[in-house]
Amino acid sequence: MDDYAIAYIKLEKDISFVLEVGWAGNVSHVEERGYIRILGDEGGLEGIGNEAIVDISYHSRTENFLVDTKPHLGKVDLPFEMVKSFVKSIMENRVPQLLDMRALYSIQLLTQYINPLRKIEK
């Protein structure tokens, strides 16, 4: 591991989380796996993937059952979308946005889980 960082982040309403990130710049990216785990007091998310986190699952519980859910995120051709974003940035004379693909998956994930939770709160 070349670099490693850990942070304790405290938000309002007694919400806090620990963020751990580790990476190595001098490795082959062939078959490299990425992992993410977000743990909460009422549930958690786990994600695995190669260049993007694409296999995501949500784990929680009801009064009587444990619940494991996988959202349908849709199929995205990442190399094509990255080239498309790069070409668009050239045509619009702006700096290329390297996080466009990650944002796409984040939006899909948030839409899948956050919106239904908001409906439950109402």
PDB file of N, CA and C in Angstrom:
ATOM      1  N   MET A   1       0.859  -1.162   0.000  1.00  0.00           N
ATOM      2  CA  MET A   1       0.000   0.000   0.000  1.00  0.00           C
ATOM      3  C   MET A   1       0.906   1.226   0.000  1.00  0.00           C
ATOM      4  N   ASP A   2       0.745   2.064  -1.013  1.00  0.00           N
ATOM      5  CA  ASP A   2       1.556   3.281  -1.094  1.00  0.00           C
ATOM      6  C   ASP A   2       1.051   4.377  -0.175  1.00  0.00           C
ATOM      7  N   ASP A   3      -0.240   4.590  -0.187  1.00  0.00           N
ATOM      8  CA  ASP A   3      -0.817   5.669   0.610  1.00  0.00           C
ATOM      9  C   ASP A   3      -2.052   5.169   1.335  1.00  0.00           C
ATOM     10  N   TYR A   4      -2.261   5.719   2.510  1.00  0.00           N
ATOM     11  CA  TYR A   4      -3.400   5.322   3.322  1.00  0.00           C
ATOM     12  C   TYR A   4      -3.860   6.535   4.120  1.00  0.00           C
ATOM     13  N   ALA A   5      -5.144   6.736   4.175  1.00  0.00           N
ATOM     14  CA  ALA A   5      -5.686   7.854   4.952  1.00  0.00           C
ATOM     15  C   ALA A   5      -6.915   7.378   5.707  1.00  0.00           C
ATOM     16  N   ILE A   6      -7.112   7.939   6.875  1.00  0.00           N
ATOM     17  CA  ILE A   6      -8.292   7.633   7.673  1.00  0.00           C
ATOM     18  C   ILE A   6      -8.801   8.939   8.268  1.00  0.00           C
ATOM     19  N   ALA A   7     -10.115   9.084   8.314  1.00  0.00           N
ATOM     20  CA  ALA A   7     -10.700  10.309   8.863  1.00  0.00           C
ATOM     21  C   ALA A   7     -11.941   9.967   9.671  1.00  0.00           C
ATOM     22  N   TYR A   8     -12.120  10.659  10.769  1.00  0.00           N
ATOM     23  CA  TYR A   8     -13.349  10.586  11.555  1.00  0.00           C
ATOM     24  C   TYR A   8     -14.112  11.864  11.249  1.00  0.00           C
ATOM     25  N   ILE A   9     -15.310  11.733  10.709  1.00  0.00           N
ATOM     26  CA  ILE A   9     -16.082  12.892  10.276  1.00  0.00           C
ATOM     27  C   ILE A   9     -17.367  12.955  11.093  1.00  0.00           C
ATOM     28  N   LYS A  10     -17.562  14.093  11.747  1.00  0.00           N
ATOM     29  CA  LYS A  10     -18.748  14.279  12.583  1.00  0.00           C
ATOM     30  C   LYS A  10     -19.654  15.304  11.920  1.00  0.00           C
ATOM     31  N   LEU A  11     -20.919  14.927  11.736  1.00  0.00           N
ATOM     32  CA  LEU A  11     -21.914  15.793  11.130  1.00  0.00           C
ATOM     33  C   LEU A  11     -22.912  16.237  12.191  1.00  0.00           C
ATOM     34  N   GLU A  12     -23.872  17.036  11.788  1.00  0.00           N
ATOM     35  CA  GLU A  12     -24.887  17.480  12.738  1.00  0.00           C
ATOM     36  C   GLU A  12     -25.816  16.329  13.111  1.00  0.00           C
ATOM     37  N   LYS A  13     -26.614  16.530  14.150  1.00  0.00           N
ATOM     38  CA  LYS A  13     -27.573  15.540  14.654  1.00  0.00           C
ATOM     39  C   LYS A  13     -26.891  14.240  15.085  1.00  0.00           C
ATOM     40  N   ASP A  14     -25.726  14.346  15.678  1.00  0.00           N
ATOM     41  CA  ASP A  14     -24.978  13.193  16.202  1.00  0.00           C
ATOM     42  C   ASP A  14     -24.681  12.129  15.154  1.00  0.00           C
ATOM     43  N   ILE A  15     -24.509  12.539  13.909  1.00  0.00           N
ATOM     44  CA  ILE A  15     -24.135  11.612  12.841  1.00  0.00           C
ATOM     45  C   ILE A  15     -22.630  11.705  12.645  1.00  0.00           C
ATOM     46  N   SER A  16     -21.978  10.557  12.608  1.00  0.00           N
ATOM     47  CA  SER A  16     -20.532  10.535  12.373  1.00  0.00           C
ATOM     48  C   SER A  16     -20.178   9.294  11.571  1.00  0.00           C
ATOM     49  N   PHE A  17     -19.025   9.337  10.929  1.00  0.00           N
ATOM     50  CA  PHE A  17     -18.545   8.157  10.218  1.00  0.00           C
ATOM     51  C   PHE A  17     -17.031   8.182  10.107  1.00  0.00           C
ATOM     52  N   VAL A  18     -16.484   7.005   9.877  1.00  0.00           N
ATOM     53  CA  VAL A  18     -15.049   6.845   9.683  1.00  0.00           C
ATOM     54  C   VAL A  18     -14.821   6.542   8.214  1.00  0.00           C
ATOM     55  N   LEU A  19     -13.911   7.274   7.597  1.00  0.00           N
ATOM     56  CA  LEU A  19     -13.588   7.096   6.184  1.00  0.00           C
ATOM     57  C   LEU A  19     -12.158   6.584   6.086  1.00  0.00           C
ATOM     58  N   GLU A  20     -11.985   5.425   5.458  1.00  0.00           N
ATOM     59  CA  GLU A  20     -10.658   4.858   5.233  1.00  0.00           C
ATOM     60  C   GLU A  20     -10.423   4.729   3.739  1.00  0.00           C
ATOM     61  N   VAL A  21      -9.271   5.174   3.279  1.00  0.00           N
ATOM     62  CA  VAL A  21      -8.930   5.089   1.864  1.00  0.00           C
ATOM     63  C   VAL A  21      -7.491   4.599   1.752  1.00  0.00           C
ATOM     64  N   GLY A  22      -7.287   3.610   0.901  1.00  0.00           N
ATOM     65  CA  GLY A  22      -5.944   3.121   0.636  1.00  0.00           C
ATOM     66  C   GLY A  22      -5.759   2.934  -0.858  1.00  0.00           C
ATOM     67  N   TRP A  23      -4.584   3.250  -1.357  1.00  0.00           N
ATOM     68  CA  TRP A  23      -4.343   3.095  -2.784  1.00  0.00           C
ATOM     69  C   TRP A  23      -2.851   2.918  -3.044  1.00  0.00           C
ATOM     70  N   ALA A  24      -2.572   2.349  -4.194  1.00  0.00           N
ATOM     71  CA  ALA A  24      -1.194   2.162  -4.649  1.00  0.00           C
ATOM     72  C   ALA A  24      -1.136   2.595  -6.103  1.00  0.00           C
ATOM     73  N   GLY A  25      -0.230   3.491  -6.418  1.00  0.00           N
ATOM     74  CA  GLY A  25      -0.163   4.038  -7.769  1.00  0.00           C
ATOM     75  C   GLY A  25       0.637   3.203  -8.741  1.00  0.00           C
ATOM     76  N   ASN A  26       1.462   2.305  -8.248  1.00  0.00           N
ATOM     77  CA  ASN A  26       2.367   1.566  -9.127  1.00  0.00           C
ATOM     78  C   ASN A  26       1.964   0.105  -9.250  1.00  0.00           C
ATOM     79  N   VAL A  27       0.700  -0.120  -9.610  1.00  0.00           N
ATOM     80  CA  VAL A  27       0.212  -1.481  -9.775  1.00  0.00           C
ATOM     81  C   VAL A  27      -0.556  -1.584 -11.077  1.00  0.00           C
ATOM     82  N   SER A  28      -0.703  -2.801 -11.553  1.00  0.00           N
ATOM     83  CA  SER A  28      -1.517  -3.039 -12.736  1.00  0.00           C
ATOM     84  C   SER A  28      -2.980  -2.851 -12.370  1.00  0.00           C
ATOM     85  N   HIS A  29      -3.753  -2.290 -13.274  1.00  0.00           N
ATOM     86  CA  HIS A  29      -5.171  -2.097 -13.017  1.00  0.00           C
ATOM     87  C   HIS A  29      -6.021  -3.220 -13.599  1.00  0.00           C
ATOM     88  N   VAL A  30      -5.379  -4.213 -14.219  1.00  0.00           N
ATOM     89  CA  VAL A  30      -6.118  -5.346 -14.767  1.00  0.00           C
ATOM     90  C   VAL A  30      -6.673  -6.166 -13.604  1.00  0.00           C
ATOM     91  N   GLU A  31      -7.974  -6.368 -13.622  1.00  0.00           N
ATOM     92  CA  GLU A  31      -8.669  -7.133 -12.581  1.00  0.00           C
ATOM     93  C   GLU A  31      -8.521  -6.526 -11.186  1.00  0.00           C
ATOM     94  N   GLU A  32      -8.169  -5.278 -11.093  1.00  0.00           N
ATOM     95  CA  GLU A  32      -8.108  -4.608  -9.797  1.00  0.00           C
ATOM     96  C   GLU A  32      -9.527  -4.448  -9.264  1.00  0.00           C
ATOM     97  N   ARG A  33      -9.725  -4.713  -7.992  1.00  0.00           N
ATOM     98  CA  ARG A  33     -11.059  -4.644  -7.395  1.00  0.00           C
ATOM     99  C   ARG A  33     -11.141  -3.439  -6.467  1.00  0.00           C
ATOM    100  N   GLY A  34     -12.264  -2.758  -6.531  1.00  0.00           N
ATOM    101  CA  GLY A  34     -12.535  -1.660  -5.616  1.00  0.00           C
ATOM    102  C   GLY A  34     -13.635  -2.072  -4.655  1.00  0.00           C
ATOM    103  N   TYR A  35     -13.539  -1.624  -3.425  1.00  0.00           N
ATOM    104  CA  TYR A  35     -14.521  -1.978  -2.401  1.00  0.00           C
ATOM    105  C   TYR A  35     -14.970  -0.719  -1.670  1.00  0.00           C
ATOM    106  N   ILE A  36     -16.218  -0.699  -1.280  1.00  0.00           N
ATOM    107  CA  ILE A  36     -16.722   0.376  -0.431  1.00  0.00           C
ATOM    108  C   ILE A  36     -17.698  -0.239   0.557  1.00  0.00           C
ATOM    109  N   ARG A  37     -17.638   0.220   1.783  1.00  0.00           N
ATOM    110  CA  ARG A  37     -18.561  -0.261   2.811  1.00  0.00           C
ATOM    111  C   ARG A  37     -18.976   0.950   3.651  1.00  0.00           C
ATOM    112  N   ILE A  38     -20.276   1.178   3.731  1.00  0.00           N
ATOM    113  CA  ILE A  38     -20.820   2.270   4.530  1.00  0.00           C
ATOM    114  C   ILE A  38     -21.732   1.637   5.568  1.00  0.00           C
ATOM    115  N   LEU A  39     -21.386   1.807   6.836  1.00  0.00           N
ATOM    116  CA  LEU A  39     -22.128   1.178   7.922  1.00  0.00           C
ATOM    117  C   LEU A  39     -22.910   2.228   8.700  1.00  0.00           C
ATOM    118  N   GLY A  40     -24.149   1.927   8.993  1.00  0.00           N
ATOM    119  CA  GLY A  40     -24.980   2.823   9.790  1.00  0.00           C
ATOM    120  C   GLY A  40     -25.671   2.054  10.886  1.00  0.00           C
ATOM    121  N   ASP A  41     -26.338   2.765  11.782  1.00  0.00           N
ATOM    122  CA  ASP A  41     -26.994   2.076  12.887  1.00  0.00           C
ATOM    123  C   ASP A  41     -28.294   1.391  12.472  1.00  0.00           C
ATOM    124  N   GLU A  42     -28.821   1.718  11.289  1.00  0.00           N
ATOM    125  CA  GLU A  42     -30.041   1.077  10.804  1.00  0.00           C
ATOM    126  C   GLU A  42     -29.846   0.331   9.488  1.00  0.00           C
ATOM    127  N   GLY A  43     -28.625   0.272   8.994  1.00  0.00           N
ATOM    128  CA  GLY A  43     -28.359  -0.430   7.744  1.00  0.00           C
ATOM    129  C   GLY A  43     -26.995  -0.058   7.206  1.00  0.00           C
ATOM    130  N   GLY A  44     -26.635  -0.686   6.105  1.00  0.00           N
ATOM    131  CA  GLY A  44     -25.343  -0.395   5.506  1.00  0.00           C
ATOM    132  C   GLY A  44     -25.316  -0.754   4.036  1.00  0.00           C
ATOM    133  N   LEU A  45     -24.349  -0.177   3.335  1.00  0.00           N
ATOM    134  CA  LEU A  45     -24.146  -0.440   1.913  1.00  0.00           C
ATOM    135  C   LEU A  45     -22.790  -1.089   1.717  1.00  0.00           C
ATOM    136  N   GLU A  46     -22.728  -2.028   0.783  1.00  0.00           N
ATOM    137  CA  GLU A  46     -21.466  -2.622   0.367  1.00  0.00           C
ATOM    138  C   GLU A  46     -21.398  -2.570  -1.147  1.00  0.00           C
ATOM    139  N   GLY A  47     -20.232  -2.238  -1.668  1.00  0.00           N
ATOM    140  CA  GLY A  47     -20.070  -2.179  -3.111  1.00  0.00           C
ATOM    141  C   GLY A  47     -18.741  -2.763  -3.541  1.00  0.00           C
ATOM    142  N   ILE A  48     -18.750  -3.450  -4.689  1.00  0.00           N
ATOM    143  CA  ILE A  48     -17.552  -4.061  -5.263  1.00  0.00           C
ATOM    144  C   ILE A  48     -17.566  -3.793  -6.758  1.00  0.00           C
ATOM    145  N   GLY A  49     -16.397  -3.615  -7.327  1.00  0.00           N
ATOM    146  CA  GLY A  49     -16.324  -3.437  -8.770  1.00  0.00           C
ATOM    147  C   GLY A  49     -14.894  -3.316  -9.238  1.00  0.00           C
ATOM    148  N   ASN A  50     -14.726  -3.245 -10.545  1.00  0.00           N
ATOM    149  CA  ASN A  50     -13.393  -3.038 -11.089  1.00  0.00           C
ATOM    150  C   ASN A  50     -13.143  -1.540 -11.203  1.00  0.00           C
ATOM    151  N   GLU A  51     -13.306  -0.952 -12.365  1.00  0.00           N
ATOM    152  CA  GLU A  51     -13.052   0.480 -12.509  1.00  0.00           C
ATOM    153  C   GLU A  51     -14.140   1.325 -11.867  1.00  0.00           C
ATOM    154  N   ALA A  52     -15.299   0.774 -11.651  1.00  0.00           N
ATOM    155  CA  ALA A  52     -16.393   1.469 -10.983  1.00  0.00           C
ATOM    156  C   ALA A  52     -17.103   0.486 -10.065  1.00  0.00           C
ATOM    157  N   ILE A  53     -17.661   0.990  -8.992  1.00  0.00           N
ATOM    158  CA  ILE A  53     -18.433   0.152  -8.081  1.00  0.00           C
ATOM    159  C   ILE A  53     -19.774  -0.143  -8.747  1.00  0.00           C
ATOM    160  N   VAL A  54     -19.981  -1.395  -9.137  1.00  0.00           N
ATOM    161  CA  VAL A  54     -21.198  -1.748  -9.872  1.00  0.00           C
ATOM    162  C   VAL A  54     -22.039  -2.815  -9.171  1.00  0.00           C
ATOM    163  N   ASP A  55     -21.463  -3.561  -8.271  1.00  0.00           N
ATOM    164  CA  ASP A  55     -22.209  -4.578  -7.533  1.00  0.00           C
ATOM    165  C   ASP A  55     -22.462  -4.032  -6.131  1.00  0.00           C
ATOM    166  N   ILE A  56     -23.646  -3.480  -5.916  1.00  0.00           N
ATOM    167  CA  ILE A  56     -23.955  -2.804  -4.663  1.00  0.00           C
ATOM    168  C   ILE A  56     -25.087  -3.538  -3.958  1.00  0.00           C
ATOM    169  N   SER A  57     -24.978  -3.636  -2.645  1.00  0.00           N
ATOM    170  CA  SER A  57     -26.046  -4.249  -1.868  1.00  0.00           C
ATOM    171  C   SER A  57     -26.307  -3.421  -0.609  1.00  0.00           C
ATOM    172  N   TYR A  58     -27.561  -3.433  -0.187  1.00  0.00           N
ATOM    173  CA  TYR A  58     -28.005  -2.713   1.005  1.00  0.00           C
ATOM    174  C   TYR A  58     -28.442  -3.747   2.031  1.00  0.00           C
ATOM    175  N   HIS A  59     -27.989  -3.599   3.260  1.00  0.00           N
ATOM    176  CA  HIS A  59     -28.290  -4.561   4.319  1.00  0.00           C
ATOM    177  C   HIS A  59     -28.929  -3.821   5.492  1.00  0.00           C
ATOM    178  N   SER A  60     -30.067  -4.323   5.946  1.00  0.00           N
ATOM    179  CA  SER A  60     -30.783  -3.686   7.046  1.00  0.00           C
ATOM    180  C   SER A  60     -31.624  -4.741   7.753  1.00  0.00           C
ATOM    181  N   ARG A  61     -32.609  -4.282   8.498  1.00  0.00           N
ATOM    182  CA  ARG A  61     -33.510  -5.209   9.175  1.00  0.00           C
ATOM    183  C   ARG A  61     -34.867  -4.552   9.365  1.00  0.00           C
ATOM    184  N   THR A  62     -35.867  -5.395   9.467  1.00  0.00           N
ATOM    185  CA  THR A  62     -37.198  -4.941   9.859  1.00  0.00           C
ATOM    186  C   THR A  62     -37.405  -5.430  11.288  1.00  0.00           C
ATOM    187  N   GLU A  63     -38.605  -5.345  11.769  1.00  0.00           N
ATOM    188  CA  GLU A  63     -38.863  -5.804  13.135  1.00  0.00           C
ATOM    189  C   GLU A  63     -38.585  -7.300  13.287  1.00  0.00           C
ATOM    190  N   ASN A  64     -38.859  -8.077  12.222  1.00  0.00           N
ATOM    191  CA  ASN A  64     -38.731  -9.534  12.324  1.00  0.00           C
ATOM    192  C   ASN A  64     -37.713 -10.168  11.386  1.00  0.00           C
ATOM    193  N   PHE A  65     -37.182  -9.402  10.427  1.00  0.00           N
ATOM    194  CA  PHE A  65     -36.343 -10.019   9.400  1.00  0.00           C
ATOM    195  C   PHE A  65     -35.099  -9.193   9.100  1.00  0.00           C
ATOM    196  N   LEU A  66     -34.058  -9.893   8.663  1.00  0.00           N
ATOM    197  CA  LEU A  66     -32.899  -9.226   8.074  1.00  0.00           C
ATOM    198  C   LEU A  66     -33.209  -8.996   6.602  1.00  0.00           C
ATOM    199  N   VAL A  67     -32.781  -7.866   6.054  1.00  0.00           N
ATOM    200  CA  VAL A  67     -33.103  -7.503   4.675  1.00  0.00           C
ATOM    201  C   VAL A  67     -31.818  -7.243   3.898  1.00  0.00           C
ATOM    202  N   ASP A  68     -31.638  -7.941   2.794  1.00  0.00           N
ATOM    203  CA  ASP A  68     -30.528  -7.715   1.866  1.00  0.00           C
ATOM    204  C   ASP A  68     -31.129  -7.360   0.518  1.00  0.00           C
ATOM    205  N   THR A  69     -30.754  -6.205  -0.023  1.00  0.00           N
ATOM    206  CA  THR A  69     -31.344  -5.707  -1.260  1.00  0.00           C
ATOM    207  C   THR A  69     -30.255  -5.302  -2.231  1.00  0.00           C
ATOM    208  N   LYS A  70     -30.459  -5.618  -3.517  1.00  0.00           N
ATOM    209  CA  LYS A  70     -29.548  -5.170  -4.571  1.00  0.00           C
ATOM    210  C   LYS A  70     -30.327  -4.279  -5.529  1.00  0.00           C
ATOM    211  N   PRO A  71     -29.864  -3.032  -5.730  1.00  0.00           N
ATOM    212  CA  PRO A  71     -30.565  -2.145  -6.666  1.00  0.00           C
ATOM    213  C   PRO A  71     -30.248  -2.504  -8.108  1.00  0.00           C
ATOM    214  N   HIS A  72     -31.129  -2.136  -9.005  1.00  0.00           N
ATOM    215  CA  HIS A  72     -30.856  -2.275 -10.431  1.00  0.00           C
ATOM    216  C   HIS A  72     -30.258  -0.957 -10.906  1.00  0.00           C
ATOM    217  N   LEU A  73     -28.962  -0.953 -11.202  1.00  0.00           N
ATOM    218  CA  LEU A  73     -28.273   0.275 -11.592  1.00  0.00           C
ATOM    219  C   LEU A  73     -28.201   0.463 -13.098  1.00  0.00           C
ATOM    220  N   GLY A  74     -28.516  -0.546 -13.858  1.00  0.00           N
ATOM    221  CA  GLY A  74     -28.433  -0.404 -15.310  1.00  0.00           C
ATOM    222  C   GLY A  74     -27.010  -0.613 -15.809  1.00  0.00           C
ATOM    223  N   LYS A  75     -26.893  -0.944 -17.057  1.00  0.00           N
ATOM    224  CA  LYS A  75     -25.590  -1.203 -17.677  1.00  0.00           C
ATOM    225  C   LYS A  75     -25.076   0.076 -18.326  1.00  0.00           C
ATOM    226  N   VAL A  76     -23.843   0.432 -18.017  1.00  0.00           N
ATOM    227  CA  VAL A  76     -23.216   1.624 -18.583  1.00  0.00           C
ATOM    228  C   VAL A  76     -21.893   1.210 -19.209  1.00  0.00           C
ATOM    229  N   ASP A  77     -21.646   1.651 -20.432  1.00  0.00           N
ATOM    230  CA  ASP A  77     -20.380   1.397 -21.117  1.00  0.00           C
ATOM    231  C   ASP A  77     -19.387   2.471 -20.668  1.00  0.00           C
ATOM    232  N   LEU A  78     -18.640   2.184 -19.576  1.00  0.00           N
ATOM    233  CA  LEU A  78     -17.759   3.189 -18.986  1.00  0.00           C
ATOM    234  C   LEU A  78     -16.725   3.759 -19.946  1.00  0.00           C
ATOM    235  N   PRO A  79     -15.987   2.937 -20.691  1.00  0.00           N
ATOM    236  CA  PRO A  79     -15.006   3.539 -21.611  1.00  0.00           C
ATOM    237  C   PRO A  79     -15.654   4.494 -22.610  1.00  0.00           C
ATOM    238  N   PHE A  80     -16.804   4.113 -23.163  1.00  0.00           N
ATOM    239  CA  PHE A  80     -17.494   4.986 -24.110  1.00  0.00           C
ATOM    240  C   PHE A  80     -17.925   6.288 -23.444  1.00  0.00           C
ATOM    241  N   GLU A  81     -18.514   6.190 -22.252  1.00  0.00           N
ATOM    242  CA  GLU A  81     -18.981   7.385 -21.549  1.00  0.00           C
ATOM    243  C   GLU A  81     -17.819   8.302 -21.174  1.00  0.00           C
ATOM    244  N   MET A  82     -16.665   7.729 -20.826  1.00  0.00           N
ATOM    245  CA  MET A  82     -15.497   8.541 -20.489  1.00  0.00           C
ATOM    246  C   MET A  82     -14.988   9.290 -21.715  1.00  0.00           C
ATOM    247  N   VAL A  83     -14.920   8.605 -22.853  1.00  0.00           N
ATOM    248  CA  VAL A  83     -14.490   9.260 -24.096  1.00  0.00           C
ATOM    249  C   VAL A  83     -15.498  10.332 -24.489  1.00  0.00           C
ATOM    250  N   LYS A  84     -16.776  10.021 -24.384  1.00  0.00           N
ATOM    251  CA  LYS A  84     -17.828  10.982 -24.716  1.00  0.00           C
ATOM    252  C   LYS A  84     -17.713  12.242 -23.852  1.00  0.00           C
ATOM    253  N   SER A  85     -17.482  12.062 -22.565  1.00  0.00           N
ATOM    254  CA  SER A  85     -17.332  13.194 -21.656  1.00  0.00           C
ATOM    255  C   SER A  85     -16.099  14.022 -22.006  1.00  0.00           C
ATOM    256  N   PHE A  86     -15.006  13.340 -22.345  1.00  0.00           N
ATOM    257  CA  PHE A  86     -13.766  14.035 -22.708  1.00  0.00           C
ATOM    258  C   PHE A  86     -13.957  14.854 -23.985  1.00  0.00           C
ATOM    259  N   VAL A  87     -14.570  14.244 -25.001  1.00  0.00           N
ATOM    260  CA  VAL A  87     -14.815  14.954 -26.269  1.00  0.00           C
ATOM    261  C   VAL A  87     -15.736  16.151 -26.031  1.00  0.00           C
ATOM    262  N   LYS A  88     -16.749  15.968 -25.215  1.00  0.00           N
ATOM    263  CA  LYS A  88     -17.674  17.066 -24.915  1.00  0.00           C
ATOM    264  C   LYS A  88     -16.946  18.220 -24.228  1.00  0.00           C
ATOM    265  N   SER A  89     -16.020  17.903 -23.325  1.00  0.00           N
ATOM    266  CA  SER A  89     -15.272  18.967 -22.650  1.00  0.00           C
ATOM    267  C   SER A  89     -14.405  19.745 -23.634  1.00  0.00           C
ATOM    268  N   ILE A  90     -13.855  19.057 -24.637  1.00  0.00           N
ATOM    269  CA  ILE A  90     -13.063  19.748 -25.667  1.00  0.00           C
ATOM    270  C   ILE A  90     -13.968  20.650 -26.493  1.00  0.00           C
ATOM    271  N   MET A  91     -15.116  20.130 -26.899  1.00  0.00           N
ATOM    272  CA  MET A  91     -16.043  20.912 -27.721  1.00  0.00           C
ATOM    273  C   MET A  91     -16.580  22.136 -26.972  1.00  0.00           C
ATOM    274  N   GLU A  92     -16.710  22.018 -25.658  1.00  0.00           N
ATOM    275  CA  GLU A  92     -17.226  23.128 -24.854  1.00  0.00           C
ATOM    276  C   GLU A  92     -16.113  23.978 -24.254  1.00  0.00           C
ATOM    277  N   ASN A  93     -14.861  23.659 -24.604  1.00  0.00           N
ATOM    278  CA  ASN A  93     -13.691  24.422 -24.150  1.00  0.00           C
ATOM    279  C   ASN A  93     -13.655  24.536 -22.614  1.00  0.00           C
ATOM    280  N   ARG A  94     -13.772  23.378 -21.959  1.00  0.00           N
ATOM    281  CA  ARG A  94     -13.713  23.355 -20.499  1.00  0.00           C
ATOM    282  C   ARG A  94     -12.799  22.221 -20.044  1.00  0.00           C
ATOM    283  N   VAL A  95     -12.420  22.261 -18.794  1.00  0.00           N
ATOM    284  CA  VAL A  95     -11.554  21.228 -18.225  1.00  0.00           C
ATOM    285  C   VAL A  95     -12.346  19.924 -18.136  1.00  0.00           C
ATOM    286  N   PRO A  96     -11.765  18.799 -18.576  1.00  0.00           N
ATOM    287  CA  PRO A  96     -12.479  17.517 -18.502  1.00  0.00           C
ATOM    288  C   PRO A  96     -12.850  17.168 -17.062  1.00  0.00           C
ATOM    289  N   GLN A  97     -14.047  16.657 -16.890  1.00  0.00           N
ATOM    290  CA  GLN A  97     -14.520  16.232 -15.576  1.00  0.00           C
ATOM    291  C   GLN A  97     -14.200  14.757 -15.397  1.00  0.00           C
ATOM    292  N   LEU A  98     -13.232  14.447 -14.571  1.00  0.00           N
ATOM    293  CA  LEU A  98     -12.802  13.066 -14.394  1.00  0.00           C
ATOM    294  C   LEU A  98     -13.762  12.259 -13.523  1.00  0.00           C
ATOM    295  N   LEU A  99     -14.634  12.911 -12.802  1.00  0.00           N
ATOM    296  CA  LEU A  99     -15.533  12.202 -11.900  1.00  0.00           C
ATOM    297  C   LEU A  99     -16.909  11.950 -12.494  1.00  0.00           C
ATOM    298  N   ASP A 100     -17.100  12.240 -13.772  1.00  0.00           N
ATOM    299  CA  ASP A 100     -18.421  12.092 -14.376  1.00  0.00           C
ATOM    300  C   ASP A 100     -19.000  10.690 -14.190  1.00  0.00           C
ATOM    301  N   MET A 101     -18.208   9.649 -14.402  1.00  0.00           N
ATOM    302  CA  MET A 101     -18.728   8.284 -14.316  1.00  0.00           C
ATOM    303  C   MET A 101     -19.050   7.910 -12.878  1.00  0.00           C
ATOM    304  N   ARG A 102     -18.214   8.335 -11.943  1.00  0.00           N
ATOM    305  CA  ARG A 102     -18.509   8.050 -10.544  1.00  0.00           C
ATOM    306  C   ARG A 102     -19.786   8.764 -10.123  1.00  0.00           C
ATOM    307  N   ALA A 103     -19.957   9.956 -10.626  1.00  0.00           N
ATOM    308  CA  ALA A 103     -21.175  10.710 -10.312  1.00  0.00           C
ATOM    309  C   ALA A 103     -22.408   9.986 -10.847  1.00  0.00           C
ATOM    310  N   LEU A 104     -22.295   9.394 -12.020  1.00  0.00           N
ATOM    311  CA  LEU A 104     -23.419   8.663 -12.608  1.00  0.00           C
ATOM    312  C   LEU A 104     -23.867   7.532 -11.687  1.00  0.00           C
ATOM    313  N   TYR A 105     -22.924   6.745 -11.196  1.00  0.00           N
ATOM    314  CA  TYR A 105     -23.269   5.652 -10.295  1.00  0.00           C
ATOM    315  C   TYR A 105     -23.784   6.178  -8.959  1.00  0.00           C
ATOM    316  N   SER A 106     -23.202   7.273  -8.473  1.00  0.00           N
ATOM    317  CA  SER A 106     -23.665   7.853  -7.213  1.00  0.00           C
ATOM    318  C   SER A 106     -25.106   8.314  -7.322  1.00  0.00           C
ATOM    319  N   ILE A 107     -25.443   8.951  -8.426  1.00  0.00           N
ATOM    320  CA  ILE A 107     -26.810   9.421  -8.629  1.00  0.00           C
ATOM    321  C   ILE A 107     -27.774   8.240  -8.690  1.00  0.00           C
ATOM    322  N   GLN A 108     -27.387   7.177  -9.403  1.00  0.00           N
ATOM    323  CA  GLN A 108     -28.244   5.995  -9.471  1.00  0.00           C
ATOM    324  C   GLN A 108     -28.443   5.394  -8.083  1.00  0.00           C
ATOM    325  N   LEU A 109     -27.373   5.313  -7.318  1.00  0.00           N
ATOM    326  CA  LEU A 109     -27.451   4.741  -5.981  1.00  0.00           C
ATOM    327  C   LEU A 109     -28.331   5.592  -5.076  1.00  0.00           C
ATOM    328  N   LEU A 110     -28.118   6.900  -5.090  1.00  0.00           N
ATOM    329  CA  LEU A 110     -28.919   7.785  -4.252  1.00  0.00           C
ATOM    330  C   LEU A 110     -30.390   7.736  -4.635  1.00  0.00           C
ATOM    331  N   THR A 111     -30.662   7.705  -5.922  1.00  0.00           N
ATOM    332  CA  THR A 111     -32.046   7.633  -6.383  1.00  0.00           C
ATOM    333  C   THR A 111     -32.700   6.347  -5.896  1.00  0.00           C
ATOM    334  N   GLN A 112     -31.943   5.256  -5.919  1.00  0.00           N
ATOM    335  CA  GLN A 112     -32.471   3.950  -5.528  1.00  0.00           C
ATOM    336  C   GLN A 112     -32.803   3.888  -4.038  1.00  0.00           C
ATOM    337  N   TYR A 113     -31.951   4.479  -3.180  1.00  0.00           N
ATOM    338  CA  TYR A 113     -32.110   4.303  -1.742  1.00  0.00           C
ATOM    339  C   TYR A 113     -32.617   5.521  -0.988  1.00  0.00           C
ATOM    340  N   ILE A 114     -32.159   6.702  -1.331  1.00  0.00           N
ATOM    341  CA  ILE A 114     -32.519   7.883  -0.552  1.00  0.00           C
ATOM    342  C   ILE A 114     -33.965   8.295  -0.794  1.00  0.00           C
ATOM    343  N   ASN A 115     -34.415   8.325  -2.043  1.00  0.00           N
ATOM    344  CA  ASN A 115     -35.792   8.742  -2.328  1.00  0.00           C
ATOM    345  C   ASN A 115     -36.832   7.873  -1.621  1.00  0.00           C
ATOM    346  N   PRO A 116     -36.716   6.536  -1.663  1.00  0.00           N
ATOM    347  CA  PRO A 116     -37.693   5.727  -0.914  1.00  0.00           C
ATOM    348  C   PRO A 116     -37.658   6.002   0.593  1.00  0.00           C
ATOM    349  N   LEU A 117     -36.468   6.285   1.142  1.00  0.00           N
ATOM    350  CA  LEU A 117     -36.374   6.578   2.569  1.00  0.00           C
ATOM    351  C   LEU A 117     -37.095   7.876   2.903  1.00  0.00           C
ATOM    352  N   ARG A 118     -37.009   8.858   2.028  1.00  0.00           N
ATOM    353  CA  ARG A 118     -37.710  10.122   2.256  1.00  0.00           C
ATOM    354  C   ARG A 118     -39.221   9.910   2.259  1.00  0.00           C
ATOM    355  N   LYS A 119     -39.718   9.018   1.400  1.00  0.00           N
ATOM    356  CA  LYS A 119     -41.152   8.736   1.356  1.00  0.00           C
ATOM    357  C   LYS A 119     -41.610   8.081   2.656  1.00  0.00           C
ATOM    358  N   ILE A 120     -40.761   7.227   3.219  1.00  0.00           N
ATOM    359  CA  ILE A 120     -41.100   6.549   4.471  1.00  0.00           C
ATOM    360  C   ILE A 120     -41.188   7.556   5.613  1.00  0.00           C
ATOM    361  N   GLU A 121     -40.290   8.562   5.623  1.00  0.00           N
ATOM    362  CA  GLU A 121     -40.267   9.558   6.692  1.00  0.00           C
ATOM    363  C   GLU A 121     -41.532  10.399   6.720  1.00  0.00           C
ATOM    364  N   LYS A 122     -42.158  10.624   5.562  1.00  0.00           N
ATOM    365  CA  LYS A 122     -43.352  11.479   5.487  1.00  0.00           C
ATOM    366  C   LYS A 122     -44.525  10.797   6.045  1.00  0.00           C
TER     367      LYS A 122
END
